[in-house]
Protein backbone atom coordinates (compact mmCIF):
# COMPACT_ATOMS: atom_id res chain seq x y z
CA MET A 1 -1.29 0.67 21.54
CA ASN A 2 -0.18 0.45 17.92
CA LYS A 3 -2.80 1.50 15.53
CA VAL A 4 -4.49 -1.46 13.62
CA ILE A 5 -4.05 -0.73 9.70
CA SER A 6 -5.70 -3.02 7.05
CA PRO A 7 -3.50 -3.23 3.72
CA PHE A 8 -7.13 -2.50 2.15
CA MET A 9 -7.23 0.94 4.01
CA LEU A 10 -4.54 2.17 1.53
CA GLY A 11 -6.01 2.39 -1.75
CA ALA A 12 -4.25 4.80 -3.86
CA THR A 13 -1.10 5.79 -2.20
CA LEU A 14 -0.46 9.24 -3.30
CA TYR A 15 3.61 10.11 -2.80
CA MET A 16 4.08 13.88 -2.13
CA PRO A 17 7.37 15.78 -1.57
CA ALA A 18 8.11 17.21 1.95
CA THR A 19 8.46 20.43 0.26
CA ARG A 20 4.77 20.76 -0.36
CA THR A 21 3.22 23.83 1.76
CA ASP A 22 -0.39 22.53 1.41
CA LEU A 23 0.34 19.44 3.43
CA VAL A 24 -1.87 20.50 6.41
CA GLU A 25 -4.84 21.31 4.41
CA ILE A 26 -4.40 17.86 2.36
CA ILE A 27 -4.19 16.07 5.49
CA LEU A 28 -6.59 17.71 7.93
CA TYR A 29 -9.19 19.80 5.72
CA GLY A 30 -9.74 17.25 3.07
CA LYS A 31 -8.01 19.35 -0.09
CA ILE A 32 -7.95 16.01 -1.88
CA PRO A 33 -11.16 14.25 -1.09
CA GLU A 34 -10.36 11.11 -2.90
CA LEU A 35 -7.11 10.55 -0.68
CA ARG A 36 -7.05 7.52 1.68
CA SER A 37 -3.43 7.32 2.19
CA MET A 38 -0.11 9.83 1.38
CA VAL A 39 3.61 9.21 1.85
CA ILE A 40 5.39 12.59 2.57
CA CYS A 41 8.73 12.04 0.78
CA LEU A 42 11.95 13.07 1.88
CA GLU A 43 13.89 10.83 -0.53
CA ASP A 44 13.82 10.99 -4.24
CA ALA A 45 11.09 13.65 -4.54
CA VAL A 46 13.20 15.98 -2.44
CA SER A 47 16.58 17.34 -4.29
CA ASP A 48 19.63 17.88 -1.97
CA GLU A 49 19.64 21.60 -1.91
CA ASP A 50 15.63 21.51 -0.82
CA LEU A 51 16.39 18.96 2.04
CA ASP A 52 16.70 21.48 4.78
CA SER A 53 13.58 23.54 4.06
CA ALA A 54 11.73 19.95 3.78
CA LEU A 55 12.72 19.12 7.24
CA CYS A 56 11.53 22.49 8.42
CA ASN A 57 8.43 22.15 6.62
CA LEU A 58 7.84 18.45 8.09
CA ALA A 59 8.62 20.11 11.27
CA VAL A 60 5.93 22.63 11.20
CA LEU A 61 3.53 20.07 10.14
CA LEU A 62 3.94 17.53 12.73
CA VAL A 63 3.05 19.97 15.51
CA GLN A 64 -0.06 20.76 13.65
CA LEU A 65 -0.79 17.11 13.25
CA LYS A 66 -0.02 16.59 17.28
CA SER A 67 -2.46 20.21 18.20
CA SER A 68 -5.18 18.36 16.38
CA ALA A 69 -5.02 14.66 17.47
CA ASN A 70 -7.86 15.03 19.46
CA ILE A 71 -10.21 16.83 17.02
CA LYS A 72 -13.10 14.36 16.12
CA HIS A 73 -14.29 15.98 12.67
CA ILE A 74 -10.87 15.02 11.39
CA GLU A 75 -11.13 11.55 12.15
CA ASN A 76 -11.33 10.24 8.67
CA ARG A 77 -8.15 11.88 7.49
CA PRO A 78 -5.77 9.87 5.28
CA LEU A 79 -3.44 7.32 6.45
CA VAL A 80 -0.18 9.37 6.48
CA PHE A 81 3.51 7.82 6.06
CA ILE A 82 7.00 9.48 6.02
CA ARG A 83 9.46 8.15 3.70
CA PRO A 84 12.87 9.05 4.99
CA ARG A 85 16.04 9.51 2.75
CA HIS A 86 17.48 6.63 4.88
CA GLU A 87 18.18 4.88 8.20
CA HIS A 88 20.08 7.81 9.50
CA MET A 89 17.54 10.49 8.84
CA ALA A 90 14.77 7.93 10.29
CA GLN A 91 16.81 7.71 13.35
CA GLU A 92 16.83 11.44 13.66
CA LEU A 93 13.30 11.52 12.78
CA VAL A 94 12.32 9.45 15.72
CA VAL A 95 14.86 11.13 18.19
CA LYS A 96 14.21 14.61 17.48
CA TYR A 97 10.47 14.95 16.09
CA ASP A 98 7.32 14.44 17.87
CA LEU A 99 5.56 11.89 15.31
CA VAL A 100 2.46 11.23 17.30
CA GLY A 101 0.30 12.42 14.18
CA ILE A 102 1.98 9.82 11.65
CA ASP A 103 1.11 6.37 11.14
CA GLY A 104 4.33 4.95 9.66
CA PHE A 105 7.42 4.97 7.49
CA VAL A 106 8.09 3.84 4.35
CA LEU A 107 11.25 2.53 4.42
CA PRO A 108 13.34 2.55 1.29
CA LYS A 109 15.56 0.26 -0.38
CA PHE A 110 14.60 -2.52 2.01
CA THR A 111 16.94 -5.40 2.10
CA ARG A 112 17.47 -8.38 4.51
CA THR A 113 20.90 -6.61 5.48
CA ASN A 114 19.68 -3.18 6.72
CA LEU A 115 16.54 -4.72 8.50
CA PRO A 116 18.25 -4.90 11.98
CA LEU A 117 18.73 -1.24 12.00
CA TRP A 118 15.23 -0.27 10.69
CA TRP A 119 14.06 -2.43 13.65
CA LYS A 120 16.28 -1.06 16.32
CA ILE A 121 15.09 2.52 15.08
CA ILE A 122 11.24 1.68 14.88
CA SER A 123 10.72 -0.91 17.50
CA THR A 124 10.56 1.63 20.37
CA THR A 125 7.91 3.54 18.21
CA HIS A 126 4.41 3.28 17.63
CA LEU A 127 4.99 3.30 13.78
CA ALA A 128 3.45 0.97 11.53
CA ILE A 129 5.91 0.07 8.71
CA MET A 130 5.91 -0.33 4.81
CA PRO A 131 9.18 -1.90 3.16
CA THR A 132 9.96 -0.94 -0.18
CA PHE A 133 11.66 -3.53 -2.59
CA GLU A 134 13.23 -1.50 -5.28
CA THR A 135 17.17 -2.55 -5.16
CA ARG A 136 18.93 -5.37 -7.57
CA GLU A 137 18.38 -8.10 -4.84
CA VAL A 138 14.40 -8.07 -5.44
CA TYR A 139 15.66 -10.02 -8.78
CA ASP A 140 17.03 -12.61 -6.93
CA VAL A 141 14.59 -15.12 -5.84
CA THR A 142 17.03 -17.08 -3.07
CA GLU A 143 17.58 -13.83 -1.81
CA MET A 144 13.65 -12.78 -1.56
CA THR A 145 12.98 -16.29 -0.08
CA ALA A 146 15.46 -15.84 2.63
CA LEU A 147 14.31 -12.54 3.32
CA ALA A 148 10.51 -13.60 3.32
CA GLU A 149 11.60 -16.39 5.76
CA LEU A 150 13.28 -13.92 8.07
CA LEU A 151 10.24 -11.43 8.05
CA GLU A 152 7.69 -14.34 8.69
CA SER A 153 8.98 -14.86 12.12
CA HIS A 154 10.36 -11.39 12.66
CA ALA A 155 9.38 -9.18 15.52
CA CYS A 156 8.39 -6.48 13.26
CA ARG A 157 5.75 -8.55 11.00
CA ASP A 158 2.99 -7.04 13.14
CA ARG A 159 4.07 -3.85 12.19
CA ILE A 160 4.24 -4.38 8.41
CA VAL A 161 1.17 -3.27 6.70
CA ALA A 162 2.12 -4.01 3.36
CA LEU A 163 5.52 -4.47 1.09
CA ARG A 164 5.87 -2.07 -1.61
CA ILE A 165 6.98 -2.76 -5.31
CA GLY A 166 9.20 0.13 -6.27
CA GLY A 167 8.63 -0.75 -10.00
CA ASN A 168 10.57 2.80 -11.22
CA ASP A 169 13.78 1.84 -8.98
CA LEU A 170 13.55 -1.75 -9.91
CA MET A 171 13.29 -0.89 -13.67
CA SER A 172 16.43 1.73 -13.43
CA VAL A 173 18.28 -1.51 -12.06
CA ILE A 174 18.13 -2.95 -15.63
CA SER A 175 18.22 0.56 -17.37
CA MET A 176 14.59 0.54 -18.36
CA ARG A 177 11.43 2.47 -17.34
CA HIS A 178 7.32 1.89 -17.48
CA PRO A 179 6.74 1.52 -21.60
CA LYS A 180 4.41 4.50 -22.77
CA ASN A 181 1.80 1.82 -24.06
CA HIS A 182 2.17 -1.53 -22.19
CA THR A 183 1.73 -2.23 -18.80
CA LEU A 184 4.52 -3.43 -16.20
CA TYR A 185 3.10 -6.87 -16.47
CA GLU A 186 3.93 -7.19 -20.08
CA GLY A 187 7.82 -6.53 -19.50
CA PRO A 188 10.38 -8.00 -16.95
CA MET A 189 8.54 -6.38 -14.05
CA GLY A 190 5.95 -9.34 -14.93
CA TYR A 191 8.13 -11.77 -13.92
CA VAL A 192 9.00 -9.91 -10.59
CA ILE A 193 5.78 -9.38 -9.50
CA LYS A 194 4.87 -12.75 -9.70
CA MET A 195 7.54 -14.09 -8.08
CA LEU A 196 7.25 -11.72 -5.23
CA VAL A 197 3.69 -12.24 -4.84
CA SER A 198 4.72 -16.12 -4.90
CA VAL A 199 7.25 -15.73 -2.14
CA PHE A 200 5.74 -13.24 0.24
CA ALA A 201 1.88 -13.53 -0.41
CA SER A 202 2.06 -17.48 0.39
CA ARG A 203 3.33 -16.37 4.00
CA GLY A 204 0.56 -13.91 4.50
CA PHE A 205 1.99 -10.68 3.30
CA SER A 206 -0.03 -8.19 1.22
CA LEU A 207 2.05 -6.37 -1.41
CA THR A 208 1.20 -2.98 -3.20
CA ALA A 209 1.30 -2.37 -6.91
CA PRO A 210 3.81 -0.16 -8.49
CA VAL A 211 2.86 3.50 -10.17
CA CYS A 212 1.87 3.82 -13.44
CA GLU A 213 3.95 6.83 -14.47
CA GLN A 214 1.93 7.40 -17.41
CA ILE A 215 -0.29 10.26 -16.00
CA ASP A 216 -2.55 10.75 -19.06
CA ASN A 217 -2.83 7.23 -20.34
CA VAL A 218 -6.01 6.27 -18.39
CA LYS A 219 -6.55 3.05 -20.72
CA LEU A 220 -3.22 1.76 -19.77
CA LEU A 221 -4.12 2.53 -15.97
CA GLU A 222 -7.19 0.49 -16.40
CA ARG A 223 -5.28 -2.34 -17.99
CA GLU A 224 -2.87 -2.12 -15.52
CA LEU A 225 -5.25 -2.09 -12.63
CA MET A 226 -6.99 -5.30 -13.94
CA GLN A 227 -3.50 -7.13 -13.67
CA ASP A 228 -2.87 -5.81 -10.19
CA VAL A 229 -6.08 -6.99 -8.92
CA ALA A 230 -5.62 -10.36 -10.74
CA HIS A 231 -2.14 -10.85 -9.06
CA GLY A 232 -3.54 -10.01 -5.63
CA LEU A 233 -2.05 -6.90 -5.10
CA VAL A 234 -4.01 -4.83 -2.16
CA GLY A 235 -3.28 -0.98 -3.43
CA LYS A 236 -1.21 0.97 -5.83
CA THR A 237 1.14 3.70 -5.88
CA ALA A 238 0.07 6.89 -7.46
CA ILE A 239 2.00 10.31 -8.24
CA HIS A 240 -0.73 12.41 -9.21
CA PRO A 241 -4.32 13.06 -7.73
CA SER A 242 -6.15 12.28 -10.98
CA HIS A 243 -5.46 8.82 -10.37
CA LEU A 244 -6.91 8.31 -7.18
CA THR A 245 -10.43 7.48 -8.15
CA LEU A 246 -9.63 5.03 -10.89
CA ILE A 247 -7.63 3.08 -8.66
CA HIS A 248 -10.07 3.18 -5.79
CA GLN A 249 -12.71 1.76 -8.46
CA GLY A 250 -10.03 -0.62 -9.88
CA PHE A 251 -9.57 -2.04 -6.27
CA MET A 252 -13.68 -2.51 -5.68
CA VAL A 253 -14.72 -5.95 -5.48
CA GLU A 254 -17.18 -7.23 -7.89
CA LYS A 255 -20.69 -7.86 -6.89
CA ASP A 256 -20.39 -11.62 -8.43
CA ASP A 257 -17.35 -12.26 -6.05
CA TYR A 258 -18.70 -10.52 -3.16
CA GLU A 259 -21.94 -12.86 -3.26
CA ASP A 260 -19.83 -15.87 -3.74
CA ALA A 261 -17.52 -14.82 -0.74
CA LEU A 262 -20.70 -14.82 1.35
CA ARG A 263 -21.80 -18.05 0.10
CA ILE A 264 -18.84 -20.05 0.59
CA LEU A 265 -18.23 -18.82 4.01
CA ASN A 266 -21.56 -19.72 4.99
CA SER A 267 -21.95 -22.64 2.90
CA SER A 268 -22.53 -26.48 5.00
CA GLN A 269 -21.94 -27.92 1.42
CA ALA A 270 -18.48 -29.29 0.42
CA VAL A 271 -19.02 -28.34 -3.42
CA PHE A 272 -21.57 -26.36 -4.90
CA LYS A 273 -22.23 -24.83 -8.41
CA SER A 274 -22.60 -20.68 -8.17
CA GLN A 275 -22.83 -17.97 -10.87
CA GLY A 276 -21.28 -20.70 -13.33
CA ALA A 277 -18.36 -21.69 -11.36
CA MET A 278 -17.37 -24.41 -8.72
CA CYS A 279 -17.22 -23.33 -5.27
CA GLU A 280 -15.30 -25.42 -2.67
CA PRO A 281 -15.43 -23.85 0.63
CA ALA A 282 -12.11 -25.91 1.50
CA THR A 283 -10.01 -24.11 -0.82
CA HIS A 284 -11.54 -21.07 -1.49
CA ARG A 285 -12.11 -19.74 2.34
CA ASN A 286 -8.98 -17.71 2.12
CA TRP A 287 -10.14 -16.00 -1.13
CA ALA A 288 -13.66 -15.22 0.29
CA ILE A 289 -11.97 -13.78 3.38
CA THR A 290 -9.90 -11.64 1.45
CA VAL A 291 -12.73 -10.47 -0.55
CA LEU A 292 -14.90 -9.44 2.09
CA GLU A 293 -11.98 -7.58 3.99
CA ARG A 294 -11.55 -5.97 0.58
CA SER A 295 -15.22 -4.98 0.14
CA LYS A 296 -15.10 -3.46 3.54
CA TYR A 297 -12.46 -0.99 2.70
CA CYS A 298 -12.83 -0.72 -1.12
CA GLY A 299 -16.38 -1.30 -1.63
CA ILE A 300 -18.48 -3.11 -4.07
CA ALA A 301 -18.65 -2.04 -7.83
CA LYS A 302 -22.31 -1.26 -8.87
CA GLN A 303 -23.25 -1.30 -5.45
CA PHE A 304 -26.00 -3.04 -4.29
CA ASN A 305 -29.02 -1.21 -2.92
CA ASN A 306 -29.16 -0.90 1.28
CA VAL A 307 -31.78 -3.72 1.33
CA VAL A 308 -30.30 -6.16 -0.86
CA LEU A 309 -27.08 -5.99 0.97
CA ALA A 310 -28.43 -6.10 4.20
CA SER A 311 -30.01 -9.74 3.04
CA LEU A 312 -26.93 -10.98 1.96
CA GLN A 313 -24.97 -10.26 5.30
């Protein structure tokens, strides 16, 4: 049976090259305590010269993950995904490696054209998938709508945890990179994210936010996170452990939103006022369900004490 993974379980998804020699410590022994999900990258993060050693390192890791599968004290390990270089490598991984300790694949450069091959590779496995949007087709709303319509009824839909927005690759398409002092939303990516949310979230898909590559600019990350949440994104790519806690805090549910969500789902009134705003269960129900789902995995900002929480539930 395939493992059910809520997109809100992802939090900050840390990308790490498959050449790292401490992956076992990170996954099984809590070397990065804040880590909730990670991607072992065999694509951009690994040079051609290091590819063989990366695959050997991955093979050793997979053996250790399999041997530890039934150890109770590591049940809370992070979600682990592999990002293969391309479809051919993914096929080799599925055929030649025991992936029992892996939760899924991140599918690079995902398009309508390569969907059939990706599904042929994945369909016979237990693996969840996170397709990544990072090619020039993503700028075409007609193409994205066609892809969304295809995915909506495709057999792979139940395997999709979230759709990842590959910000750096998409910026590269137009010869740009993440600006130093502006969020992605203040440039062309602002349109792309809004369009993707409109096209895919309206069909029930979750999307994750691109990485903020300005590692030391904490204020910029905080501003971008506010926009990520405002656009309904469910998690964010991270490339440095120092960003994990900030990202997790950014996706916590505000106390007022949590209270409103409970009232909306439990009220018999058609319309009522709460905390200065109109609440209309008929139109706000989906929002309320999402808020409670996010609070379950991301937590509540300025946590209630246990007595207050218990009285609200």
